[in-house]
Amino acid sequence: MRVVLAAFSAMAALLSAIPAQAQTAVQVPLFDGALVISGEVEVTESVVELDAVVVSFWRPVLFGTSERPIGGRMDCRLGGVCEAYSDALFDIEQRYMDSRERREQSGLNDNRERDYAEEGPVRRLLVTGIAHQPVRRYVLTYIALREGDALYEVRMNCEFKYLHSPPSDTVFAAVMLQYVDLAIPVAGTASNLQSNG
């Protein structure tokens, strides 16, 4: 998976002029920059304030082989906030661990292996897992960016539903991570953060 934080000179607007079915990316304002969601995406909710944003969207999922394609959909809800920096808030791994027991009690079975990456002022954590009743697989994304005395946080939860009859040997984590790439230009900071998720 790739996460990009880069300089952005002007606020981007929703690509509302193009029908959702034909879009290859959607941009929504995020702080002093924009959130870019790649792929055929339909935004169902977008609430943007000066220091916070909430976006809900979905996109189709297709994987497998041409002889046996597997289809479904991914539903995501993303929240972003800008707040005063603290070491505790920037420690996204510990914040996730603090929530793990509560997540398990609510029926979320997170995988023990997590994908963590850090470069300069940017930290990113990916958690995959499965929940039941109904069965759904998910990716939880944490991103934190320190800029001076401010901390930009993005948290996104994506659920994968209606995956029709996937083979028993499907590596769902690898499939899901292909669909949760974000490009997030934020307030005058340029950094590239990459890992193989």
Protein backbone atom coordinates (compact mmCIF):
# COMPACT_ATOMS: atom_id res chain seq x y z
CA MET A 1 0.00 0.00 0.00
CA ARG A 2 1.09 3.56 -0.69
CA VAL A 3 0.30 6.67 1.32
CA VAL A 4 1.46 10.03 0.01
CA LEU A 5 1.55 13.31 1.90
CA ALA A 6 2.51 16.18 -0.38
CA ALA A 7 2.33 19.95 -0.73
CA PHE A 8 -0.95 21.28 -2.11
CA SER A 9 -1.39 24.86 -3.29
CA ALA A 10 -5.19 25.16 -3.42
CA MET A 11 -8.28 23.48 -2.04
CA ALA A 12 -9.59 20.73 -4.33
CA ALA A 13 -13.31 20.28 -4.96
CA LEU A 14 -15.40 17.17 -5.45
CA LEU A 15 -15.26 15.93 -9.02
CA SER A 16 -19.00 16.28 -9.22
CA ALA A 17 -19.09 17.00 -12.94
CA ILE A 18 -18.24 13.37 -13.76
CA PRO A 19 -20.80 10.63 -13.03
CA ALA A 20 -19.74 8.46 -10.10
CA GLN A 21 -19.64 5.34 -12.25
CA ALA A 22 -17.02 6.90 -14.54
CA GLN A 23 -14.77 8.48 -11.95
CA THR A 24 -11.24 7.19 -11.53
CA ALA A 25 -10.61 9.39 -8.47
CA VAL A 26 -12.51 11.66 -6.12
CA GLN A 27 -11.04 14.63 -4.27
CA VAL A 28 -12.56 16.16 -1.14
CA PRO A 29 -11.22 19.11 0.87
CA LEU A 30 -9.08 18.09 3.86
CA PHE A 31 -7.66 20.79 6.12
CA ASP A 32 -5.53 23.02 3.85
CA GLY A 33 -5.28 20.37 1.14
CA ALA A 34 -7.37 17.56 -0.24
CA LEU A 35 -8.05 13.87 0.17
CA VAL A 36 -7.71 11.88 -3.04
CA ILE A 37 -9.56 8.56 -3.22
CA SER A 38 -8.51 6.54 -6.25
CA GLY A 39 -10.65 4.16 -8.24
CA GLU A 40 -14.33 4.15 -9.19
CA VAL A 41 -15.65 5.82 -6.06
CA GLU A 42 -19.04 7.19 -5.07
CA VAL A 43 -19.10 9.59 -2.12
CA THR A 44 -22.28 9.22 -0.07
CA GLU A 45 -21.48 11.72 2.70
CA SER A 46 -19.05 14.61 2.97
CA VAL A 47 -18.95 16.94 5.98
CA VAL A 48 -16.07 19.40 5.89
CA GLU A 49 -15.18 21.88 8.64
CA LEU A 50 -12.10 23.97 9.32
CA ASP A 51 -10.41 21.40 11.58
CA ALA A 52 -12.36 18.20 10.85
CA VAL A 53 -13.78 16.18 7.99
CA VAL A 54 -16.02 13.11 7.67
CA VAL A 55 -16.35 11.26 4.36
CA SER A 56 -18.29 8.10 3.54
CA PHE A 57 -17.84 6.38 0.19
CA TRP A 58 -18.03 3.03 -1.54
CA ARG A 59 -16.39 1.39 -4.52
CA PRO A 60 -16.76 -1.92 -6.37
CA VAL A 61 -14.27 -4.70 -5.72
CA LEU A 62 -13.16 -7.21 -8.33
CA PHE A 63 -10.34 -9.74 -8.02
CA GLY A 64 -9.52 -13.32 -8.89
CA THR A 65 -8.96 -14.59 -12.43
CA SER A 66 -10.79 -14.02 -15.69
CA GLU A 67 -12.03 -17.59 -15.46
CA ARG A 68 -13.25 -17.07 -11.89
CA PRO A 69 -13.75 -13.39 -11.06
CA ILE A 70 -14.81 -12.49 -7.51
CA GLY A 71 -16.92 -9.35 -7.08
CA GLY A 72 -18.16 -7.35 -4.12
CA ARG A 73 -18.02 -3.85 -2.68
CA MET A 74 -16.00 -1.82 -0.20
CA ASP A 75 -17.76 0.64 2.13
CA CYS A 76 -15.57 3.18 3.90
CA ARG A 77 -15.98 5.88 6.50
CA LEU A 78 -13.13 8.31 7.02
CA GLY A 79 -12.66 10.90 9.74
CA GLY A 80 -9.92 13.50 9.94
CA VAL A 81 -9.10 16.02 12.65
CA CYS A 82 -6.46 18.65 13.31
CA GLU A 83 -5.52 19.13 16.95
CA ALA A 84 -2.68 20.22 19.21
CA TYR A 85 0.31 17.87 19.01
CA SER A 86 1.19 15.52 21.85
CA ASP A 87 3.49 12.50 22.00
CA ALA A 88 0.59 10.35 23.21
CA LEU A 89 -1.64 11.30 20.25
CA PHE A 90 1.23 10.72 17.79
CA ASP A 91 1.78 7.18 19.14
CA ILE A 92 -0.79 5.52 16.90
CA GLU A 93 0.42 1.99 17.69
CA GLN A 94 -0.23 2.45 21.41
CA ARG A 95 -3.55 4.11 20.74
CA TYR A 96 -4.57 1.12 18.65
CA MET A 97 -3.44 -1.30 21.37
CA ASP A 98 -5.46 0.66 23.93
CA SER A 99 -8.57 0.03 21.80
CA ARG A 100 -7.89 -3.62 20.94
CA GLU A 101 -9.74 -5.20 23.86
CA ARG A 102 -12.78 -3.02 23.22
CA ARG A 103 -12.70 -3.97 19.55
CA GLU A 104 -12.56 -7.68 20.40
CA GLN A 105 -15.51 -7.32 22.76
CA SER A 106 -17.52 -5.74 19.95
CA GLY A 107 -16.87 -8.74 17.69
CA LEU A 108 -13.94 -7.42 15.61
CA ASN A 109 -11.22 -10.05 15.17
CA ASP A 110 -8.11 -8.09 14.23
CA ASN A 111 -5.16 -9.95 12.73
CA ARG A 112 -2.13 -10.05 15.00
CA GLU A 113 0.16 -8.97 12.19
CA ARG A 114 -0.10 -5.26 11.46
CA ASP A 115 1.49 -3.07 8.80
CA TYR A 116 3.28 -0.07 10.34
CA ALA A 117 5.35 2.52 8.50
CA GLU A 118 7.06 5.72 9.66
CA GLU A 119 8.96 8.39 7.81
CA GLY A 120 9.85 11.73 9.38
CA PRO A 121 6.66 13.42 10.60
CA VAL A 122 4.32 10.77 9.13
CA ARG A 123 3.16 7.54 10.75
CA ARG A 124 0.73 5.01 9.29
CA LEU A 125 -0.79 1.82 10.70
CA LEU A 126 -2.95 -0.72 8.84
CA VAL A 127 -4.99 -3.38 10.64
CA THR A 128 -6.94 -6.09 8.80
CA GLY A 129 -9.49 -8.46 10.26
CA ILE A 130 -12.88 -10.16 10.08
CA ALA A 131 -16.20 -9.69 11.83
CA HIS A 132 -19.31 -11.88 11.85
CA GLN A 133 -23.09 -11.55 11.85
CA PRO A 134 -22.93 -10.65 9.05
CA VAL A 135 -19.52 -11.82 7.84
CA ARG A 136 -17.40 -8.92 6.63
CA ARG A 137 -13.70 -8.27 6.31
CA TYR A 138 -12.15 -4.91 6.98
CA VAL A 139 -9.10 -2.67 6.93
CA LEU A 140 -8.59 -0.05 9.63
CA THR A 141 -6.16 2.74 8.66
CA TYR A 142 -4.51 5.21 11.03
CA ILE A 143 -2.45 8.10 9.64
CA ALA A 144 -0.80 10.80 11.77
CA LEU A 145 1.17 13.77 10.49
CA ARG A 146 3.02 16.16 12.78
CA GLU A 147 3.42 19.69 11.52
CA GLY A 148 4.92 22.02 14.14
CA ASP A 149 2.55 22.22 17.09
CA ALA A 150 -0.30 20.65 15.12
CA LEU A 151 -1.18 17.00 14.56
CA TYR A 152 -3.23 15.92 11.56
CA GLU A 153 -5.01 12.61 12.06
CA VAL A 154 -6.89 10.47 9.57
CA ARG A 155 -8.69 7.28 10.52
CA MET A 156 -10.49 5.20 7.93
CA ASN A 157 -12.50 2.00 8.33
CA CYS A 158 -13.30 0.03 5.17
CA GLU A 159 -15.53 -3.04 5.13
CA PHE A 160 -15.56 -5.56 2.29
CA LYS A 161 -18.96 -7.11 1.69
CA TYR A 162 -20.74 -9.46 -0.67
CA LEU A 163 -17.61 -11.27 -1.84
CA HIS A 164 -19.31 -14.09 -3.70
CA SER A 165 -17.78 -17.55 -3.21
CA PRO A 166 -14.06 -16.67 -2.99
CA PRO A 167 -11.66 -19.63 -3.07
CA SER A 168 -10.78 -21.05 0.34
CA ASP A 169 -7.12 -20.12 -0.14
CA THR A 170 -7.82 -16.41 -0.80
CA VAL A 171 -5.38 -14.14 1.04
CA PHE A 172 -7.90 -11.48 1.97
CA ALA A 173 -5.42 -9.07 3.54
CA ALA A 174 -3.47 -8.82 0.28
CA VAL A 175 -6.68 -8.33 -1.72
CA MET A 176 -8.08 -5.65 0.59
CA LEU A 177 -4.88 -3.62 0.80
CA GLN A 178 -5.03 -3.08 -2.96
CA TYR A 179 -8.17 -0.99 -2.51
CA VAL A 180 -7.31 1.37 0.37
CA ASP A 181 -4.63 3.57 -1.19
CA LEU A 182 -4.91 7.21 -0.18
CA ALA A 183 -3.14 10.28 -1.43
CA ILE A 184 -3.46 13.05 1.14
CA PRO A 185 -1.94 16.43 0.30
CA VAL A 186 -1.79 18.31 3.62
CA ALA A 187 -0.86 21.88 4.49
CA GLY A 188 2.54 22.55 2.98
CA THR A 189 4.31 19.34 4.02
CA ALA A 190 5.90 17.03 1.46
CA SER A 191 6.72 13.42 2.25
CA ASN A 192 6.43 10.02 0.60
CA LEU A 193 5.65 7.04 2.81
CA GLN A 194 5.68 3.63 1.21
CA SER A 195 5.51 0.06 2.41
CA ASN A 196 4.52 -3.24 0.90
CA GLY A 197 1.28 -4.09 2.62
